[in-house]
Protein backbone atom coordinates (compact mmCIF):
# COMPACT_ATOMS: atom_id res chain seq x y z
CA MET A 1 -79.67 -22.47 70.42
CA LYS A 2 -76.08 -23.15 70.67
CA THR A 3 -74.55 -25.81 68.58
CA ALA A 4 -71.69 -27.79 69.81
CA THR A 5 -68.61 -27.83 67.78
CA LYS A 6 -66.45 -30.80 67.72
CA ASN A 7 -62.80 -30.44 68.24
CA VAL A 8 -61.45 -31.88 65.10
CA LYS A 9 -57.75 -32.17 64.86
CA LYS A 10 -56.29 -31.15 61.59
CA PRO A 11 -53.52 -33.32 60.35
CA ALA A 12 -50.18 -31.73 61.17
CA PRO A 13 -48.09 -30.56 58.27
CA LYS A 14 -45.16 -32.70 57.50
CA THR A 15 -42.16 -30.92 58.83
CA ALA A 16 -39.61 -33.45 57.82
CA ALA A 17 -39.03 -32.60 54.20
CA LYS A 18 -37.63 -35.25 52.01
CA THR A 19 -34.02 -34.55 51.29
CA ALA A 20 -32.86 -34.84 47.72
CA PRO A 21 -30.22 -37.45 47.12
CA LYS A 22 -26.77 -35.94 46.89
CA LYS A 23 -25.45 -35.55 43.40
CA ALA A 24 -22.25 -37.29 42.64
CA MET A 25 -19.36 -34.87 42.44
CA PRO A 26 -17.26 -35.16 39.30
CA LYS A 27 -13.94 -36.74 39.88
CA ALA A 28 -10.86 -34.64 39.39
CA ALA A 29 -9.09 -35.22 36.11
CA PRO A 30 -6.12 -37.49 36.49
CA LYS A 31 -2.82 -35.68 36.41
CA VAL A 32 -0.92 -36.26 33.21
CA ASP A 33 2.79 -36.45 33.23
CA ALA A 34 4.16 -33.65 31.01
CA LYS A 35 6.78 -35.97 29.52
CA LYS A 36 4.24 -38.54 28.34
CA THR A 37 1.67 -36.42 26.49
CA MET A 38 -0.29 -38.04 23.72
CA PRO A 39 -0.63 -36.29 20.33
CA LEU A 40 -3.96 -34.53 19.84
CA VAL A 41 -4.37 -35.80 16.28
CA ASP A 42 -3.72 -39.23 14.90
CA PRO A 43 -0.59 -39.00 12.69
CA ARG A 44 -2.40 -40.71 9.80
CA ILE A 45 -5.12 -38.07 9.87
CA ALA A 46 -2.53 -35.30 10.04
CA GLU A 47 -0.84 -36.64 6.87
CA LYS A 48 -4.15 -36.70 5.01
CA ALA A 49 -4.92 -33.15 6.19
CA LYS A 50 -1.56 -31.90 4.89
CA ALA A 51 -2.16 -33.57 1.52
CA LEU A 52 -5.62 -32.01 1.33
CA ASP A 53 -4.25 -28.55 2.21
CA ALA A 54 -1.63 -28.89 -0.53
CA ALA A 55 -4.30 -29.85 -3.08
CA VAL A 56 -6.45 -26.85 -2.13
CA ALA A 57 -3.45 -24.51 -2.32
CA LYS A 58 -2.62 -25.84 -5.78
CA LEU A 59 -6.18 -25.16 -6.99
CA ALA A 60 -6.17 -21.66 -5.51
CA THR A 61 -2.90 -20.70 -7.20
CA PRO A 62 -3.45 -17.85 -9.65
CA GLY A 63 -2.51 -18.46 -13.24
CA LEU A 64 -3.99 -21.94 -13.54
CA LYS A 65 -6.29 -22.36 -16.51
CA ALA A 66 -9.89 -23.25 -15.87
CA THR A 67 -10.89 -26.67 -17.11
CA ARG A 68 -14.41 -25.57 -17.99
CA LYS A 69 -14.79 -24.28 -21.53
CA GLU A 70 -17.10 -21.45 -22.43
CA ALA A 71 -19.87 -22.19 -24.90
CA PRO A 72 -19.01 -20.84 -28.34
CA LYS A 73 -21.13 -17.95 -29.57
CA PRO A 74 -23.23 -18.83 -32.59
CA GLU A 75 -22.01 -17.17 -35.76
CA PRO A 76 -24.49 -14.94 -37.55
CA LYS A 77 -26.03 -16.30 -40.72
CA PRO A 78 -24.64 -14.94 -43.96
CA GLY A 79 -26.60 -11.93 -45.17
CA ALA A 80 -28.12 -11.31 -41.73
CA LYS A 81 -27.92 -7.79 -40.37
CA PRO A 82 -25.86 -7.45 -37.20
CA GLU A 83 -27.88 -6.39 -34.20
CA PRO A 84 -27.29 -2.74 -33.40
CA LYS A 85 -26.03 -2.06 -29.88
CA LYS A 86 -28.55 -0.28 -27.70
CA ALA A 87 -27.63 3.30 -26.96
CA ARG A 88 -26.82 3.77 -23.32
CA LYS A 89 -29.11 6.18 -21.54
CA MET A 90 -27.33 9.32 -20.36
CA GLY A 91 -26.71 9.54 -16.63
CA ALA A 92 -27.20 12.53 -14.38
CA LEU A 93 -23.46 13.22 -14.11
CA ASP A 94 -22.98 13.20 -17.88
CA ALA A 95 -25.93 15.53 -18.37
CA ALA A 96 -24.72 17.84 -15.59
CA ALA A 97 -21.27 18.02 -17.22
CA ILE A 98 -22.84 19.07 -20.53
CA VAL A 99 -25.08 21.70 -18.90
CA LEU A 100 -22.24 23.18 -16.83
CA ALA A 101 -19.88 23.32 -19.80
CA ASP A 102 -22.49 25.14 -21.90
CA ALA A 103 -23.49 27.52 -19.11
CA GLY A 104 -19.98 28.74 -18.40
CA LYS A 105 -21.01 29.92 -14.93
CA PRO A 106 -21.29 28.24 -11.53
CA MET A 107 -24.61 26.49 -10.87
CA ARG A 108 -26.28 24.78 -7.93
CA SER A 109 -27.48 21.19 -8.16
CA LYS A 110 -31.16 22.24 -8.07
CA GLU A 111 -30.57 24.57 -11.04
CA LEU A 112 -28.72 21.77 -12.85
CA ILE A 113 -31.63 19.35 -12.38
CA ALA A 114 -34.11 21.93 -13.74
CA GLU A 115 -31.91 22.74 -16.77
CA MET A 116 -31.28 19.05 -17.56
CA ALA A 117 -35.04 18.35 -17.50
CA LYS A 118 -35.73 21.46 -19.63
CA ARG A 119 -33.25 20.32 -22.30
CA GLY A 120 -34.45 16.71 -22.12
CA LEU A 121 -31.00 15.38 -21.24
CA TRP A 122 -32.00 13.64 -18.03
CA THR A 123 -35.01 13.42 -15.76
CA SER A 124 -35.29 11.89 -12.34
CA PRO A 125 -36.74 8.36 -12.36
CA GLY A 126 -39.08 9.37 -9.54
CA GLY A 127 -36.70 10.08 -6.66
CA LYS A 128 -37.71 12.57 -4.01
CA THR A 129 -34.40 14.47 -3.89
CA PRO A 130 -32.53 14.20 -7.20
CA GLU A 131 -30.61 17.40 -6.44
CA ALA A 132 -29.13 15.85 -3.29
CA THR A 133 -28.18 12.73 -5.25
CA LEU A 134 -26.54 14.80 -7.99
CA TYR A 135 -24.72 16.94 -5.41
CA ALA A 136 -23.31 13.83 -3.70
CA ALA A 137 -22.33 12.25 -7.03
CA ILE A 138 -20.46 15.38 -8.13
CA LEU A 139 -18.60 15.53 -4.81
CA ARG A 140 -17.74 11.83 -5.15
CA GLU A 141 -16.29 12.40 -8.62
CA ILE A 142 -14.25 15.39 -7.46
CA GLY A 143 -12.92 13.37 -4.52
CA ALA A 144 -12.09 10.30 -6.61
CA LYS A 145 -10.62 11.92 -9.72
CA GLY A 146 -9.18 15.09 -8.23
CA ALA A 147 -7.82 17.39 -10.96
CA ALA A 148 -9.07 15.04 -13.71
CA ALA A 149 -12.71 15.46 -12.63
CA ARG A 150 -15.22 17.11 -14.97
CA PHE A 151 -16.42 19.37 -12.14
CA ALA A 152 -14.87 21.87 -9.73
CA ARG A 153 -16.31 23.55 -6.66
CA ALA A 154 -16.95 27.23 -7.23
CA GLY A 155 -18.34 28.01 -3.81
CA LYS A 156 -20.59 26.54 -1.18
CA GLY A 157 -23.06 24.35 -3.08
CA GLU A 158 -21.95 25.61 -6.51
CA PHE A 159 -20.05 23.77 -9.21
CA THR A 160 -18.41 24.72 -12.47
CA SER A 161 -17.16 22.68 -15.38
CA THR A 162 -13.46 22.13 -15.92
CA LYS A 163 -14.14 21.95 -19.68
CA LYS A 164 -15.65 24.72 -21.73
CA GLY A 165 -18.20 24.53 -24.55
CA GLY A 166 -19.84 21.12 -24.08
CA ALA A 167 -18.34 17.99 -22.61
């Protein structure tokens, strides 16, 4: 059996879209006569700024004494033993200078690290490549001090001491 379908009209889509109201265009800036320009800063503010700059320059002038006093160090009690200064731990460069001076022959940084550890002069604090660090430090000293350096290059990767018999 055939069913009858009703012709139902669908509402038509609105074709007339609402138009947005036009935005107001900014007005052009009024033309300023070049002869009648106003100062950008109030003269009173400019005077205060100059005074402040002068005060800052006066404080920054080298040679002025600081107003803050350092706290005096307490004097040791009579009969008290003075505290001994802690001995500074030897660095890798110092130890390498000693080893190279004693060896009297060119050495590589890996050999230097092994010899320093064997003598107990210096051991790596746990770094992965102490020989690379020592190599770079020696090159830095040679570059910075030049002829006054404790080390000299003997060949590719080899160094000798500029002093003989212990540094």
